[in-house]
Amino acid sequence: ISFGTVTDKNIEQLKLLNRAVFPISYPERMYKDILAYTDVTHLAYHNDVLVGAITCRLEKSAQGPKLYILTLGVLAPYRGMGAGSALLERCLQHCAAQLPEVAEALLHVQTSNEEAMRFYGRYGFEVGETIPGYYKRLDPPDAVVLRKALQPGGG
């Protein structure tokens, strides 16, 4: 597995990957956000083929900027090879080294997605509040917020 960054030249590949991996389609504005935060988006390649990606953006809050994980996905045939773990680790390490002001990482996960909750739990993410009706076109529509402290005492 090798890694790269997102650019306006490969964003279409990222859109295709997300369509293949996720049960929802993401709006065009999300991809504009991704291009604005290329330092916290990482792509995974296997033999020059895009097989996975983590996409993030920085969000302002009263406690300082937060890293919001938009997507983390790997094509089914390439799961279990460590690409997802490597993508998450790269992103969190980048924040620790280059963006020390970012105090927290967070994301939303469908309440039925136990695999994702276990995956993020292995990296110290904790289950927070449930948001009813977060996903308009999924069943169940509810999401949980997963959070991980990134600064002093949080890693």
N, C-alpha and C. Protein backbone atom coordinates (compact mmCIF):
# COMPACT_ATOMS: atom_id res chain seq x y z
N ILE A 1 0.85 -1.19 0.00
CA ILE A 1 0.00 0.00 0.00
C ILE A 1 0.89 1.24 0.00
N SER A 2 0.56 2.18 -0.89
CA SER A 2 1.26 3.47 -0.90
C SER A 2 0.20 4.55 -0.69
N PHE A 3 0.66 5.77 -0.40
CA PHE A 3 -0.26 6.83 -0.03
C PHE A 3 -0.06 8.06 -0.90
N GLY A 4 -1.13 8.83 -1.04
CA GLY A 4 -1.07 10.06 -1.81
C GLY A 4 -2.04 11.07 -1.25
N THR A 5 -2.07 12.23 -1.89
CA THR A 5 -2.98 13.30 -1.47
C THR A 5 -4.02 13.53 -2.55
N VAL A 6 -5.10 14.16 -2.16
CA VAL A 6 -6.16 14.45 -3.11
C VAL A 6 -5.85 15.76 -3.84
N THR A 7 -6.15 15.77 -5.12
CA THR A 7 -5.97 16.97 -5.95
C THR A 7 -7.19 17.10 -6.84
N ASP A 8 -7.28 18.23 -7.54
CA ASP A 8 -8.40 18.37 -8.48
C ASP A 8 -8.28 17.39 -9.64
N LYS A 9 -7.10 16.80 -9.81
CA LYS A 9 -6.91 15.83 -10.90
C LYS A 9 -7.38 14.41 -10.52
N ASN A 10 -7.40 14.08 -9.22
CA ASN A 10 -7.83 12.73 -8.85
C ASN A 10 -9.11 12.70 -8.00
N ILE A 11 -9.76 13.85 -7.84
CA ILE A 11 -10.97 13.90 -7.02
C ILE A 11 -12.08 13.02 -7.62
N GLU A 12 -12.10 12.87 -8.95
CA GLU A 12 -13.13 12.01 -9.56
C GLU A 12 -12.93 10.56 -9.15
N GLN A 13 -11.68 10.11 -9.02
CA GLN A 13 -11.41 8.75 -8.54
C GLN A 13 -11.94 8.59 -7.12
N LEU A 14 -11.77 9.62 -6.29
CA LEU A 14 -12.27 9.58 -4.92
C LEU A 14 -13.80 9.47 -4.91
N LYS A 15 -14.46 10.21 -5.79
CA LYS A 15 -15.93 10.12 -5.87
C LYS A 15 -16.37 8.71 -6.23
N LEU A 16 -15.68 8.09 -7.18
CA LEU A 16 -16.01 6.71 -7.58
C LEU A 16 -15.79 5.74 -6.42
N LEU A 17 -14.69 5.91 -5.70
CA LEU A 17 -14.41 5.07 -4.54
C LEU A 17 -15.54 5.20 -3.52
N ASN A 18 -15.92 6.43 -3.19
CA ASN A 18 -16.97 6.64 -2.19
C ASN A 18 -18.30 6.05 -2.64
N ARG A 19 -18.61 6.15 -3.93
CA ARG A 19 -19.85 5.54 -4.44
C ARG A 19 -19.83 4.03 -4.27
N ALA A 20 -18.66 3.43 -4.43
CA ALA A 20 -18.54 1.97 -4.32
C ALA A 20 -18.58 1.50 -2.87
N VAL A 21 -18.12 2.34 -1.95
CA VAL A 21 -17.95 1.90 -0.56
C VAL A 21 -19.15 2.25 0.33
N PHE A 22 -19.77 3.40 0.12
CA PHE A 22 -20.77 3.89 1.07
C PHE A 22 -22.20 3.78 0.53
N PRO A 23 -23.17 3.58 1.44
CA PRO A 23 -24.57 3.41 1.02
C PRO A 23 -25.28 4.73 0.71
N ILE A 24 -24.57 5.85 0.84
CA ILE A 24 -25.18 7.14 0.54
C ILE A 24 -24.30 7.87 -0.46
N SER A 25 -24.90 8.80 -1.19
CA SER A 25 -24.09 9.60 -2.11
C SER A 25 -23.83 10.95 -1.44
N TYR A 26 -22.63 11.42 -1.61
CA TYR A 26 -22.21 12.65 -0.96
C TYR A 26 -22.37 13.83 -1.91
N PRO A 27 -22.78 14.99 -1.36
CA PRO A 27 -23.00 16.16 -2.21
C PRO A 27 -21.68 16.74 -2.73
N GLU A 28 -21.80 17.45 -3.81
CA GLU A 28 -20.64 18.09 -4.46
C GLU A 28 -19.92 19.02 -3.49
N ARG A 29 -20.67 19.68 -2.62
CA ARG A 29 -20.03 20.63 -1.68
C ARG A 29 -19.05 19.93 -0.74
N MET A 30 -19.31 18.65 -0.43
CA MET A 30 -18.38 17.92 0.43
C MET A 30 -17.02 17.80 -0.27
N TYR A 31 -17.04 17.55 -1.57
CA TYR A 31 -15.78 17.41 -2.31
C TYR A 31 -15.05 18.75 -2.41
N LYS A 32 -15.79 19.86 -2.44
CA LYS A 32 -15.16 21.18 -2.39
C LYS A 32 -14.46 21.36 -1.04
N ASP A 33 -15.13 20.92 0.05
CA ASP A 33 -14.50 20.96 1.38
C ASP A 33 -13.21 20.15 1.39
N ILE A 34 -13.28 18.96 0.81
CA ILE A 34 -12.12 18.06 0.80
C ILE A 34 -10.94 18.72 0.10
N LEU A 35 -11.21 19.38 -1.02
CA LEU A 35 -10.12 20.05 -1.75
C LEU A 35 -9.56 21.24 -0.96
N ALA A 36 -10.35 21.78 -0.04
CA ALA A 36 -9.87 22.88 0.80
C ALA A 36 -9.02 22.38 1.96
N TYR A 37 -9.11 21.08 2.26
CA TYR A 37 -8.38 20.50 3.40
C TYR A 37 -7.55 19.30 2.94
N THR A 38 -6.76 19.49 1.91
CA THR A 38 -6.02 18.36 1.35
C THR A 38 -4.97 17.80 2.31
N ASP A 39 -4.54 18.58 3.29
CA ASP A 39 -3.53 18.06 4.22
C ASP A 39 -4.11 17.06 5.21
N VAL A 40 -5.43 16.99 5.36
CA VAL A 40 -6.04 16.01 6.27
C VAL A 40 -6.87 14.98 5.50
N THR A 41 -6.61 14.86 4.22
CA THR A 41 -7.22 13.81 3.40
C THR A 41 -6.08 12.99 2.82
N HIS A 42 -6.19 11.67 2.96
CA HIS A 42 -5.13 10.77 2.50
C HIS A 42 -5.75 9.66 1.65
N LEU A 43 -5.06 9.31 0.59
CA LEU A 43 -5.51 8.25 -0.32
C LEU A 43 -4.58 7.05 -0.21
N ALA A 44 -5.15 5.86 -0.33
CA ALA A 44 -4.36 4.62 -0.28
C ALA A 44 -4.43 3.94 -1.64
N TYR A 45 -3.26 3.55 -2.14
CA TYR A 45 -3.16 2.90 -3.45
C TYR A 45 -2.55 1.51 -3.30
N HIS A 46 -3.02 0.60 -4.13
CA HIS A 46 -2.41 -0.73 -4.24
C HIS A 46 -2.08 -0.91 -5.71
N ASN A 47 -0.82 -1.02 -6.04
CA ASN A 47 -0.38 -1.10 -7.44
C ASN A 47 -0.98 0.03 -8.28
N ASP A 48 -0.89 1.24 -7.79
CA ASP A 48 -1.36 2.45 -8.47
C ASP A 48 -2.86 2.54 -8.65
N VAL A 49 -3.63 1.67 -7.98
CA VAL A 49 -5.10 1.73 -8.03
C VAL A 49 -5.59 2.27 -6.69
N LEU A 50 -6.46 3.29 -6.75
CA LEU A 50 -7.02 3.85 -5.52
C LEU A 50 -7.92 2.81 -4.86
N VAL A 51 -7.58 2.41 -3.63
CA VAL A 51 -8.35 1.37 -2.94
C VAL A 51 -8.96 1.86 -1.63
N GLY A 52 -8.55 3.05 -1.16
CA GLY A 52 -9.10 3.55 0.09
C GLY A 52 -8.78 5.02 0.28
N ALA A 53 -9.54 5.64 1.19
CA ALA A 53 -9.31 7.06 1.46
C ALA A 53 -9.89 7.44 2.82
N ILE A 54 -9.25 8.41 3.45
CA ILE A 54 -9.84 9.10 4.59
C ILE A 54 -9.96 10.55 4.19
N THR A 55 -11.16 11.10 4.36
CA THR A 55 -11.40 12.50 4.02
C THR A 55 -11.86 13.23 5.28
N CYS A 56 -11.31 14.41 5.49
CA CYS A 56 -11.60 15.17 6.70
C CYS A 56 -11.70 16.65 6.38
N ARG A 57 -12.22 17.38 7.35
CA ARG A 57 -12.17 18.84 7.30
C ARG A 57 -11.97 19.33 8.73
N LEU A 58 -11.54 20.56 8.85
CA LEU A 58 -11.40 21.17 10.17
C LEU A 58 -12.64 22.00 10.45
N GLU A 59 -13.16 21.86 11.67
CA GLU A 59 -14.35 22.60 12.07
C GLU A 59 -14.01 23.47 13.27
N LYS A 60 -14.52 24.70 13.26
CA LYS A 60 -14.28 25.61 14.38
C LYS A 60 -15.22 25.25 15.53
N SER A 61 -14.73 25.45 16.75
CA SER A 61 -15.57 25.30 17.93
C SER A 61 -15.02 26.20 19.02
N ALA A 62 -15.78 26.39 20.08
CA ALA A 62 -15.34 27.24 21.19
C ALA A 62 -14.07 26.69 21.83
N GLN A 63 -13.89 25.36 21.77
CA GLN A 63 -12.70 24.73 22.35
C GLN A 63 -11.52 24.69 21.39
N GLY A 64 -11.67 25.28 20.22
CA GLY A 64 -10.62 25.24 19.22
C GLY A 64 -11.02 24.34 18.06
N PRO A 65 -10.18 24.28 17.02
CA PRO A 65 -10.54 23.49 15.85
C PRO A 65 -10.64 22.00 16.15
N LYS A 66 -11.55 21.35 15.45
CA LYS A 66 -11.74 19.90 15.58
C LYS A 66 -11.56 19.27 14.21
N LEU A 67 -11.05 18.05 14.21
CA LEU A 67 -10.91 17.27 12.98
C LEU A 67 -12.18 16.46 12.81
N TYR A 68 -12.95 16.77 11.76
CA TYR A 68 -14.17 16.01 11.49
C TYR A 68 -13.87 15.02 10.36
N ILE A 69 -14.02 13.74 10.66
CA ILE A 69 -13.78 12.70 9.65
C ILE A 69 -15.05 12.54 8.83
N LEU A 70 -14.98 12.94 7.58
CA LEU A 70 -16.11 12.83 6.67
C LEU A 70 -16.32 11.38 6.23
N THR A 71 -15.26 10.77 5.73
CA THR A 71 -15.33 9.38 5.26
C THR A 71 -14.01 8.67 5.54
N LEU A 72 -14.11 7.38 5.78
CA LEU A 72 -12.95 6.49 5.81
C LEU A 72 -13.45 5.19 5.22
N GLY A 73 -12.96 4.85 4.04
CA GLY A 73 -13.44 3.65 3.38
C GLY A 73 -12.38 2.99 2.55
N VAL A 74 -12.50 1.66 2.46
CA VAL A 74 -11.59 0.84 1.66
C VAL A 74 -12.44 -0.11 0.83
N LEU A 75 -12.09 -0.26 -0.44
CA LEU A 75 -12.82 -1.20 -1.31
C LEU A 75 -12.80 -2.60 -0.70
N ALA A 76 -13.92 -3.30 -0.78
CA ALA A 76 -14.09 -4.60 -0.12
C ALA A 76 -12.94 -5.59 -0.37
N PRO A 77 -12.47 -5.77 -1.61
CA PRO A 77 -11.41 -6.77 -1.83
C PRO A 77 -10.09 -6.44 -1.11
N TYR A 78 -9.93 -5.19 -0.68
CA TYR A 78 -8.67 -4.76 -0.07
C TYR A 78 -8.78 -4.57 1.44
N ARG A 79 -9.94 -4.91 2.01
CA ARG A 79 -10.10 -4.80 3.46
C ARG A 79 -9.31 -5.91 4.14
N GLY A 80 -8.90 -5.63 5.36
CA GLY A 80 -8.13 -6.63 6.11
C GLY A 80 -6.64 -6.59 5.81
N MET A 81 -6.22 -5.64 4.97
CA MET A 81 -4.80 -5.51 4.63
C MET A 81 -4.14 -4.37 5.40
N GLY A 82 -4.90 -3.73 6.27
CA GLY A 82 -4.35 -2.64 7.08
C GLY A 82 -4.46 -1.26 6.47
N ALA A 83 -5.11 -1.14 5.31
CA ALA A 83 -5.19 0.17 4.66
C ALA A 83 -6.01 1.16 5.48
N GLY A 84 -7.16 0.73 6.00
CA GLY A 84 -8.00 1.63 6.79
C GLY A 84 -7.28 2.10 8.04
N SER A 85 -6.64 1.17 8.73
CA SER A 85 -5.88 1.52 9.94
C SER A 85 -4.76 2.49 9.60
N ALA A 86 -4.04 2.22 8.52
CA ALA A 86 -2.93 3.08 8.13
C ALA A 86 -3.42 4.48 7.77
N LEU A 87 -4.56 4.57 7.10
CA LEU A 87 -5.12 5.87 6.74
C LEU A 87 -5.48 6.67 7.99
N LEU A 88 -6.17 6.03 8.93
CA LEU A 88 -6.56 6.72 10.16
C LEU A 88 -5.31 7.15 10.94
N GLU A 89 -4.35 6.26 11.07
CA GLU A 89 -3.13 6.59 11.80
C GLU A 89 -2.38 7.74 11.15
N ARG A 90 -2.28 7.74 9.82
CA ARG A 90 -1.60 8.84 9.10
C ARG A 90 -2.28 10.17 9.40
N CYS A 91 -3.59 10.16 9.35
CA CYS A 91 -4.35 11.39 9.57
C CYS A 91 -4.15 11.90 11.00
N LEU A 92 -4.26 11.02 11.98
CA LEU A 92 -4.10 11.43 13.38
C LEU A 92 -2.67 11.87 13.67
N GLN A 93 -1.69 11.17 13.09
CA GLN A 93 -0.28 11.57 13.27
C GLN A 93 -0.01 12.93 12.63
N HIS A 94 -0.61 13.17 11.46
CA HIS A 94 -0.44 14.46 10.80
C HIS A 94 -0.97 15.58 11.71
N CYS A 95 -2.14 15.35 12.30
CA CYS A 95 -2.70 16.36 13.20
C CYS A 95 -1.78 16.62 14.38
N ALA A 96 -1.27 15.55 14.99
CA ALA A 96 -0.40 15.71 16.15
C ALA A 96 0.86 16.50 15.79
N ALA A 97 1.42 16.23 14.61
CA ALA A 97 2.68 16.86 14.21
C ALA A 97 2.50 18.25 13.62
N GLN A 98 1.48 18.42 12.78
CA GLN A 98 1.34 19.66 12.00
C GLN A 98 0.23 20.58 12.48
N LEU A 99 -0.73 20.04 13.20
CA LEU A 99 -1.89 20.84 13.63
C LEU A 99 -2.13 20.65 15.13
N PRO A 100 -1.15 21.03 15.96
CA PRO A 100 -1.28 20.76 17.40
C PRO A 100 -2.46 21.46 18.06
N GLU A 101 -3.01 22.47 17.39
CA GLU A 101 -4.16 23.18 17.96
C GLU A 101 -5.46 22.36 17.87
N VAL A 102 -5.46 21.30 17.06
CA VAL A 102 -6.65 20.46 16.93
C VAL A 102 -6.74 19.55 18.15
N ALA A 103 -7.79 19.75 18.94
CA ALA A 103 -7.90 19.06 20.24
C ALA A 103 -8.73 17.79 20.18
N GLU A 104 -9.50 17.60 19.11
CA GLU A 104 -10.41 16.46 19.08
C GLU A 104 -10.67 16.01 17.65
N ALA A 105 -10.85 14.71 17.50
CA ALA A 105 -11.33 14.14 16.23
C ALA A 105 -12.72 13.59 16.50
N LEU A 106 -13.61 13.73 15.52
CA LEU A 106 -14.95 13.20 15.68
C LEU A 106 -15.53 12.80 14.34
N LEU A 107 -16.57 11.97 14.41
CA LEU A 107 -17.28 11.53 13.22
C LEU A 107 -18.64 11.01 13.62
N HIS A 108 -19.51 10.85 12.63
CA HIS A 108 -20.82 10.23 12.83
C HIS A 108 -20.78 8.83 12.24
N VAL A 109 -21.43 7.89 12.93
CA VAL A 109 -21.53 6.51 12.47
C VAL A 109 -22.98 6.06 12.64
N GLN A 110 -23.50 5.37 11.63
CA GLN A 110 -24.85 4.83 11.72
C GLN A 110 -24.92 3.89 12.93
N THR A 111 -26.00 3.98 13.71
CA THR A 111 -26.11 3.21 14.96
C THR A 111 -25.99 1.71 14.74
N SER A 112 -26.31 1.23 13.57
CA SER A 112 -26.24 -0.21 13.29
C SER A 112 -24.86 -0.66 12.82
N ASN A 113 -23.94 0.28 12.61
CA ASN A 113 -22.62 -0.05 12.05
C ASN A 113 -21.64 -0.43 13.16
N GLU A 114 -21.85 -1.64 13.70
CA GLU A 114 -21.01 -2.11 14.81
C GLU A 114 -19.56 -2.30 14.39
N GLU A 115 -19.35 -2.69 13.14
CA GLU A 115 -17.98 -2.88 12.64
C GLU A 115 -17.19 -1.57 12.73
N ALA A 116 -17.81 -0.47 12.30
CA ALA A 116 -17.13 0.84 12.37
C ALA A 116 -16.90 1.25 13.81
N MET A 117 -17.87 1.01 14.68
CA MET A 117 -17.69 1.39 16.09
C MET A 117 -16.55 0.61 16.73
N ARG A 118 -16.44 -0.67 16.40
CA ARG A 118 -15.32 -1.48 16.93
C ARG A 118 -13.99 -0.96 16.38
N PHE A 119 -13.96 -0.68 15.07
CA PHE A 119 -12.74 -0.19 14.43
C PHE A 119 -12.25 1.08 15.12
N TYR A 120 -13.12 2.08 15.23
CA TYR A 120 -12.71 3.35 15.85
C TYR A 120 -12.42 3.18 17.34
N GLY A 121 -13.13 2.27 18.00
CA GLY A 121 -12.88 1.99 19.41
C GLY A 121 -11.45 1.52 19.66
N ARG A 122 -10.91 0.76 18.71
CA ARG A 122 -9.52 0.28 18.84
C ARG A 122 -8.52 1.44 18.84
N TYR A 123 -8.93 2.59 18.33
CA TYR A 123 -8.05 3.76 18.26
C TYR A 123 -8.41 4.80 19.31
N GLY A 124 -9.20 4.40 20.30
CA GLY A 124 -9.49 5.31 21.40
C GLY A 124 -10.68 6.23 21.21
N PHE A 125 -11.45 6.03 20.14
CA PHE A 125 -12.66 6.83 19.97
C PHE A 125 -13.72 6.31 20.93
N GLU A 126 -14.45 7.24 21.54
CA GLU A 126 -15.49 6.88 22.49
C GLU A 126 -16.85 7.27 21.94
N VAL A 127 -17.85 6.44 22.26
CA VAL A 127 -19.22 6.69 21.79
C VAL A 127 -19.81 7.84 22.59
N GLY A 128 -20.32 8.83 21.86
CA GLY A 128 -20.97 9.99 22.48
C GLY A 128 -22.46 9.94 22.26
N GLU A 129 -23.02 11.09 22.01
CA GLU A 129 -24.47 11.21 21.90
C GLU A 129 -25.02 10.54 20.63
N THR A 130 -26.30 10.17 20.71
CA THR A 130 -27.02 9.64 19.54
C THR A 130 -27.81 10.79 18.92
N ILE A 131 -27.78 10.86 17.59
CA ILE A 131 -28.52 11.90 16.88
C ILE A 131 -29.61 11.22 16.06
N PRO A 132 -30.88 11.31 16.51
CA PRO A 132 -31.98 10.69 15.78
C PRO A 132 -32.15 11.33 14.40
N GLY A 133 -32.41 10.51 13.39
CA GLY A 133 -32.72 11.01 12.05
C GLY A 133 -31.57 11.67 11.32
N TYR A 134 -30.34 11.40 11.71
CA TYR A 134 -29.18 12.04 11.07
C TYR A 134 -29.07 11.65 9.60
N TYR A 135 -29.29 10.36 9.32
CA TYR A 135 -29.21 9.88 7.93
C TYR A 135 -30.62 9.82 7.37
N LYS A 136 -30.89 10.66 6.39
CA LYS A 136 -32.25 10.78 5.86
C LYS A 136 -32.68 9.57 5.03
N ARG A 137 -31.74 8.92 4.36
CA ARG A 137 -32.11 7.85 3.43
C ARG A 137 -31.61 6.48 3.87
N LEU A 138 -31.24 6.33 5.13
CA LEU A 138 -30.76 5.04 5.61
C LEU A 138 -31.68 4.51 6.70
N ASP A 139 -31.66 3.21 6.87
CA ASP A 139 -32.42 2.57 7.92
C ASP A 139 -31.48 1.67 8.71
N PRO A 140 -31.26 1.91 9.99
CA PRO A 140 -31.85 2.98 10.79
C PRO A 140 -31.23 4.35 10.46
N PRO A 141 -32.01 5.42 10.66
CA PRO A 141 -31.54 6.76 10.29
C PRO A 141 -30.67 7.42 11.36
N ASP A 142 -30.54 6.78 12.52
CA ASP A 142 -29.85 7.42 13.64
C ASP A 142 -28.33 7.24 13.55
N ALA A 143 -27.62 8.22 14.11
CA ALA A 143 -26.15 8.18 14.13
C ALA A 143 -25.67 8.37 15.56
N VAL A 144 -24.49 7.84 15.84
CA VAL A 144 -23.80 8.16 17.09
C VAL A 144 -22.57 8.98 16.73
N VAL A 145 -22.20 9.85 17.64
CA VAL A 145 -20.98 10.64 17.47
C VAL A 145 -19.86 9.89 18.19
N LEU A 146 -18.76 9.66 17.48
CA LEU A 146 -17.57 9.07 18.07
C LEU A 146 -16.54 10.18 18.22
N ARG A 147 -15.90 10.23 19.39
CA ARG A 147 -14.94 11.30 19.68
C ARG A 147 -13.64 10.74 20.23
N LYS A 148 -12.56 11.45 19.91
CA LYS A 148 -11.24 11.09 20.47
C LYS A 148 -10.51 12.39 20.78
N ALA A 149 -10.05 12.53 22.02
CA ALA A 149 -9.23 13.68 22.40
C ALA A 149 -7.86 13.51 21.76
N LEU A 150 -7.33 14.58 21.17
CA LEU A 150 -6.05 14.50 20.46
C LEU A 150 -4.91 15.19 21.19
N GLN A 151 -5.23 16.03 22.15
CA GLN A 151 -4.17 16.79 22.81
C GLN A 151 -4.01 16.38 24.25
N PRO A 152 -3.25 17.10 25.03
CA PRO A 152 -2.80 16.68 26.35
C PRO A 152 -3.67 15.63 27.00
N GLY A 153 -3.09 14.47 27.20
CA GLY A 153 -3.79 13.37 27.82
C GLY A 153 -4.64 12.58 26.85
N GLY A 154 -4.80 13.06 25.61
CA GLY A 154 -5.69 12.38 24.69
C GLY A 154 -5.01 11.72 23.52
N GLY A 155 -3.78 12.08 23.22
CA GLY A 155 -3.06 11.34 22.25
C GLY A 155 -2.96 11.91 20.91
